[in-house]
Amino acid sequence: MHRITLLGKPGCHLCDDARQTIARVAGDLGVPWEEISIESSDELREKYWEMIPVTLIDGVQHDFWRVDENRLRAALTS
């Protein structure tokens, strides 16, 4: 089973949009997901600061800045 991770930070409006899309797709497909703040780790902050929100599938970067719902669904069902 796949797992989605959303990397973002508080106050990020693009993260809010990504969260809605991910929650919808994950709910439809029964895929677990989690959200991690890049502010929780110096390593995450340094690596992803200019890319958030970042979507990972099974720990591998899938998207950044915006979540394309169709692309996310395709990746999770292939």
Protein backbone atom coordinates (compact mmCIF):
# COMPACT_ATOMS: atom_id res chain seq x y z
CA MET A 1 0.00 0.00 0.00
CA HIS A 2 1.19 3.51 -0.82
CA ARG A 3 1.59 6.33 1.68
CA ILE A 4 1.45 10.06 0.89
CA THR A 5 3.46 12.63 2.83
CA LEU A 6 2.83 16.35 2.53
CA LEU A 7 5.76 18.56 3.49
CA GLY A 8 4.72 22.11 4.27
CA LYS A 9 4.67 24.75 6.97
CA PRO A 10 2.08 26.71 8.91
CA GLY A 11 0.67 29.75 7.12
CA CYS A 12 1.42 28.44 3.63
CA HIS A 13 -1.63 28.97 1.38
CA LEU A 14 -0.32 26.57 -1.27
CA CYS A 15 0.01 23.96 1.50
CA ASP A 16 -3.65 24.51 2.36
CA ASP A 17 -4.61 23.82 -1.27
CA ALA A 18 -2.36 20.76 -1.41
CA ARG A 19 -3.82 19.43 1.84
CA GLN A 20 -7.35 19.59 0.43
CA THR A 21 -6.38 17.79 -2.77
CA ILE A 22 -4.38 15.12 -0.98
CA ALA A 23 -7.14 14.52 1.58
CA ARG A 24 -9.68 14.09 -1.22
CA VAL A 25 -7.55 11.70 -3.28
CA ALA A 26 -6.36 9.72 -0.25
CA GLY A 27 -9.93 9.41 1.01
CA ASP A 28 -11.24 8.26 -2.36
CA LEU A 29 -8.48 5.66 -2.76
CA GLY A 30 -8.12 4.61 0.87
CA VAL A 31 -4.47 5.67 0.98
CA PRO A 32 -2.99 6.83 4.30
CA TRP A 33 -1.33 10.22 4.42
CA GLU A 34 0.50 12.43 6.85
CA GLU A 35 1.67 16.01 7.01
CA ILE A 36 5.09 17.05 8.26
CA SER A 37 6.20 20.63 8.84
CA ILE A 38 9.56 21.49 7.33
CA GLU A 39 10.04 23.59 10.46
CA SER A 40 10.39 20.37 12.47
CA SER A 41 13.87 19.68 11.11
CA ASP A 42 16.83 21.74 9.90
CA GLU A 43 17.41 19.15 7.19
CA LEU A 44 13.82 19.40 5.87
CA ARG A 45 13.87 23.19 6.04
CA GLU A 46 17.15 23.40 4.13
CA LYS A 47 16.17 20.87 1.47
CA TYR A 48 12.56 21.93 0.79
CA TRP A 49 12.24 25.59 1.86
CA GLU A 50 11.74 26.97 -1.65
CA MET A 51 9.66 24.03 -2.92
CA ILE A 52 6.79 23.68 -0.44
CA PRO A 53 4.35 22.17 -0.52
CA VAL A 54 6.15 18.98 -1.49
CA THR A 55 4.30 15.72 -2.03
CA LEU A 56 6.06 12.42 -1.41
CA ILE A 57 4.72 9.00 -2.34
CA ASP A 58 6.35 6.22 -0.36
CA GLY A 59 9.11 8.64 0.62
CA VAL A 60 9.96 9.64 -2.95
CA GLN A 61 9.31 13.18 -4.17
CA HIS A 62 6.33 13.28 -6.50
CA ASP A 63 5.37 16.97 -6.80
CA PHE A 64 6.17 20.41 -5.45
CA TRP A 65 4.42 23.81 -5.33
CA ARG A 66 1.10 22.44 -6.58
CA VAL A 67 -0.55 19.04 -6.41
CA ASP A 68 -2.05 17.88 -9.68
CA GLU A 69 -5.00 15.70 -8.66
CA ASN A 70 -5.02 13.58 -11.82
CA ARG A 71 -1.27 12.99 -11.68
CA LEU A 72 -1.48 12.01 -8.00
CA ARG A 73 -4.34 9.58 -8.65
CA ALA A 74 -2.45 8.02 -11.55
CA ALA A 75 0.68 7.51 -9.47
CA LEU A 76 -1.30 5.86 -6.69
CA THR A 77 -3.26 3.51 -8.96
CA SER A 78 -0.50 2.36 -11.31
